[in-house]
Structure formats: structure tokens, C-alpha cells
Amino acid sequence: MNIVSAGSGLLAVVQLCQSGLSGPMPKRGTKLEQDRPDDLTGAQVKELLAELTTLTGDTAHARPVLELLIGEILTRTSVEPAGQDLYLSVTGLLPPCDALLPPHAVMPAELDEQERRGFELLWHADEGRYIVVRKIALRNLSDERSVMDEILNTADLAQRCQARIASE
């Protein structure tokens, strides 16, 4: 596994964009960004994750998993089916810790009810760490930037959980 590391996460996005994420100039007759539908398909997101995985130096598989280290948080992103829908599954692995606190004590206090329902906080007993798991319906994502935003949002949420653990 190769890890792309960035202090705030924004640098990783900038580096990915500068390294050709947006691709070459479109040829005549090519669909432009503004001509595309407003939501991404599972195949488009898988293609994006495969491209980003290749940029990090890893090998993209049939079901690509993008791993990025953002600060101290290791994120893993893939597309998963759930019933009739497809979801962007983003996990944020917090650094190992010694203190086992109940999940409600680790969740950031400033989260509203909708934000609390939008993720799970799990304890990985074998690794001694908390894991933030978010599933975002692909129909809620409009473009490649929104995929990267959800990865960064998950890392931010995990960092806020980490800060709560450190303060306890």
C-alpha cells in the first residue's frame, strides 16, 4: 500500500488535480463537464477511484479501494451496493489508542442529529482503534469534487473524534 499524505487534506486534492486528475483537453464532440448528468454512476465513481489509486502508486482492482493518509487518519474509499442503491463507502481509521470509551463519548458534541445519523463509530478490538464509517448515496454526489469532499469530510470527522479521545 502506498500512502498519499497531506497535512490538511487540501494539499492531496491539489496534488491530484495537478497530476492530471482532470485529464487532457476534451476533443471535439466530447461531452463537457456541464453537459454531464447531475449525478455520478457507480461506474464513473469506480473509474475515478481506480484512476486515483493508480496515481498513488497502488494497483487498481476490479473493485478499487482508494487509501489516503490525511493527517493521522487513514481513509479507505470504495463503492458498495446496498439494496437497489450504490453508496460511496468511506472509512476513517483513527490512530490506535489505549482508552476504550463508549461511542457517545467519542462523537463530537457539536454534531446535529442528521450528522449523527450519517455515520457509524466502531471499535476495532484487534487493532485497538476507532473507525468512522460513512455511506453516502451516489445519487447525492454530483461530480468528482463531491467524491473528494466526502473523503475529506470523513477525515475531518475522524480527526474531531480523535480530539475528543485526547481530551478525555
Protein backbone atom coordinates (compact mmCIF):
# COMPACT_ATOMS: atom_id res chain seq x y z
CA MET A 1 0.00 0.00 0.00
CA ASN A 2 1.32 3.42 -0.93
CA ILE A 3 0.00 6.32 1.09
CA VAL A 4 -0.56 9.85 -0.10
CA SER A 5 -0.04 12.04 2.92
CA ALA A 6 -1.24 15.60 3.35
CA GLY A 7 -1.46 17.69 6.48
CA SER A 8 -4.91 19.14 5.87
CA GLY A 9 -6.13 17.01 3.01
CA LEU A 10 -6.44 20.02 0.71
CA LEU A 11 -2.87 19.52 -0.49
CA ALA A 12 -3.70 15.96 -1.58
CA VAL A 13 -6.61 17.23 -3.65
CA VAL A 14 -4.45 19.94 -5.22
CA GLN A 15 -1.67 17.45 -5.98
CA LEU A 16 -4.13 15.02 -7.55
CA CYS A 17 -5.62 17.76 -9.71
CA GLN A 18 -2.17 18.97 -10.77
CA SER A 19 -1.09 15.45 -11.67
CA GLY A 20 -3.74 15.08 -14.34
CA LEU A 21 -6.89 14.08 -12.46
CA SER A 22 -8.97 16.26 -14.72
CA GLY A 23 -7.48 14.62 -17.82
CA PRO A 24 -6.44 16.06 -21.16
CA MET A 25 -8.33 18.74 -23.05
CA PRO A 26 -11.55 17.35 -24.49
CA LYS A 27 -11.63 16.54 -28.19
CA ARG A 28 -14.22 17.98 -30.49
CA GLY A 29 -17.57 16.28 -29.88
CA THR A 30 -16.59 15.14 -26.37
CA LYS A 31 -19.14 15.70 -23.61
CA LEU A 32 -18.06 18.60 -21.44
CA GLU A 33 -18.48 18.67 -17.65
CA GLN A 34 -21.51 20.96 -17.88
CA ASP A 35 -23.18 18.55 -20.34
CA ARG A 36 -22.97 15.57 -17.98
CA PRO A 37 -25.88 14.47 -15.79
CA ASP A 38 -26.03 15.91 -12.28
CA ASP A 39 -25.28 12.65 -10.50
CA LEU A 40 -22.49 10.13 -10.84
CA THR A 41 -22.99 6.49 -11.75
CA GLY A 42 -21.30 3.65 -9.91
CA ALA A 43 -19.10 3.00 -12.95
CA GLN A 44 -17.96 6.65 -13.04
CA VAL A 45 -17.05 6.65 -9.35
CA LYS A 46 -15.25 3.30 -9.67
CA GLU A 47 -13.33 4.70 -12.65
CA LEU A 48 -12.39 7.79 -10.62
CA LEU A 49 -11.25 5.67 -7.65
CA ALA A 50 -9.24 3.41 -9.97
CA GLU A 51 -7.56 6.45 -11.55
CA LEU A 52 -6.75 7.97 -8.16
CA THR A 53 -5.49 4.61 -6.85
CA THR A 54 -3.13 4.39 -9.82
CA LEU A 55 -1.91 7.94 -9.13
CA THR A 56 -0.97 6.90 -5.57
CA GLY A 57 1.16 4.06 -6.94
CA ASP A 58 -1.18 1.21 -5.98
CA THR A 59 -2.72 -1.23 -8.41
CA ALA A 60 -6.40 -0.69 -9.15
CA HIS A 61 -8.51 -3.84 -8.91
CA ALA A 62 -11.98 -4.69 -10.24
CA ARG A 63 -13.36 -3.07 -7.08
CA PRO A 64 -10.94 -0.21 -6.46
CA VAL A 65 -10.21 0.96 -2.94
CA LEU A 66 -8.53 4.35 -2.60
CA GLU A 67 -6.38 4.71 0.52
CA LEU A 68 -5.24 8.18 1.57
CA LEU A 69 -3.49 9.27 4.76
CA ILE A 70 -4.88 12.66 5.76
CA GLY A 71 -3.13 13.90 8.86
CA GLU A 72 -3.19 10.89 11.21
CA ILE A 73 -6.36 9.46 9.65
CA LEU A 74 -6.13 6.65 7.09
CA THR A 75 -9.15 6.79 4.79
CA ARG A 76 -10.37 3.94 2.60
CA THR A 77 -12.93 4.67 -0.09
CA SER A 78 -14.87 2.30 -2.35
CA VAL A 79 -18.27 1.84 -3.98
CA GLU A 80 -20.62 -0.64 -2.31
CA PRO A 81 -24.09 -1.87 -3.20
CA ALA A 82 -26.86 -1.70 -0.61
CA GLY A 83 -30.19 -2.95 -1.83
CA GLN A 84 -31.13 -1.11 -5.02
CA ASP A 85 -28.67 1.74 -4.45
CA LEU A 86 -24.93 2.20 -4.70
CA TYR A 87 -23.05 4.01 -1.96
CA LEU A 88 -19.68 5.65 -1.59
CA SER A 89 -18.27 3.91 1.47
CA VAL A 90 -15.64 6.00 3.24
CA THR A 91 -13.91 4.74 6.39
CA GLY A 92 -11.57 6.77 8.53
CA LEU A 93 -9.22 4.76 10.74
CA LEU A 94 -8.14 6.69 13.81
CA PRO A 95 -4.69 6.03 15.26
CA PRO A 96 -4.53 3.20 17.81
CA CYS A 97 -5.36 4.30 21.35
CA ASP A 98 -5.36 2.78 24.82
CA ALA A 99 -8.59 4.31 26.10
CA LEU A 100 -11.80 2.48 25.27
CA LEU A 101 -14.60 5.00 25.63
CA PRO A 102 -18.25 4.47 24.74
CA PRO A 103 -19.06 5.77 21.24
CA HIS A 104 -21.28 8.61 22.52
CA ALA A 105 -18.28 9.96 24.46
CA VAL A 106 -16.11 9.97 21.34
CA MET A 107 -18.61 11.60 18.95
CA PRO A 108 -18.06 15.34 18.54
CA ALA A 109 -20.60 17.18 20.71
CA GLU A 110 -21.38 19.82 18.08
CA LEU A 111 -22.89 17.32 15.62
CA ASP A 112 -26.60 17.75 14.96
CA GLU A 113 -28.98 14.79 14.75
CA GLN A 114 -28.70 14.44 10.96
CA GLU A 115 -24.89 14.39 11.13
CA ARG A 116 -25.00 11.77 13.89
CA ARG A 117 -27.21 9.52 11.74
CA GLY A 118 -24.84 9.94 8.79
CA PHE A 119 -22.02 7.83 10.22
CA GLU A 120 -21.10 4.95 12.47
CA LEU A 121 -18.33 4.92 15.03
CA LEU A 122 -16.93 1.43 15.60
CA TRP A 123 -14.23 -0.02 17.85
CA HIS A 124 -11.75 -2.40 16.20
CA ALA A 125 -10.65 -4.57 19.13
CA ASP A 126 -7.84 -6.36 17.26
CA GLU A 127 -6.21 -3.09 16.22
CA GLY A 128 -7.19 -1.06 19.30
CA ARG A 129 -8.63 1.84 17.34
CA TYR A 130 -11.86 3.56 16.47
CA ILE A 131 -13.16 3.57 12.91
CA VAL A 132 -15.54 6.12 11.42
CA VAL A 133 -17.74 4.63 8.68
CA ARG A 134 -19.83 6.77 6.34
CA LYS A 135 -22.04 5.62 3.46
CA ILE A 136 -23.12 8.32 1.02
CA ALA A 137 -25.68 7.51 -1.68
CA LEU A 138 -24.15 8.09 -5.12
CA ARG A 139 -27.32 9.93 -6.16
CA ASN A 140 -26.27 12.66 -3.70
CA LEU A 141 -22.90 13.17 -5.43
CA SER A 142 -22.81 15.48 -8.41
CA ASP A 143 -19.21 15.33 -9.62
CA GLU A 144 -15.64 14.20 -8.89
CA ARG A 145 -15.13 17.08 -6.48
CA SER A 146 -18.06 15.93 -4.33
CA VAL A 147 -16.42 12.48 -4.02
CA MET A 148 -13.18 14.09 -2.79
CA ASP A 149 -15.19 16.37 -0.47
CA GLU A 150 -16.81 13.34 1.19
CA ILE A 151 -13.39 11.74 1.73
CA LEU A 152 -12.12 14.96 3.33
CA ASN A 153 -15.33 15.33 5.39
CA THR A 154 -14.85 11.81 6.74
CA ALA A 155 -11.21 12.53 7.64
CA ASP A 156 -12.32 15.76 9.35
CA LEU A 157 -14.99 13.92 11.32
CA ALA A 158 -12.45 11.27 12.38
CA GLN A 159 -10.00 14.00 13.44
CA ARG A 160 -12.71 15.60 15.58
CA CYS A 161 -13.38 12.20 17.19
CA GLN A 162 -9.63 11.86 17.80
CA ALA A 163 -9.60 15.27 19.51
CA ARG A 164 -12.44 14.12 21.80
CA ILE A 165 -10.47 10.99 22.72
CA ALA A 166 -7.39 13.08 23.51
CA SER A 167 -9.42 15.41 25.73
CA GLU A 168 -10.91 12.57 27.83
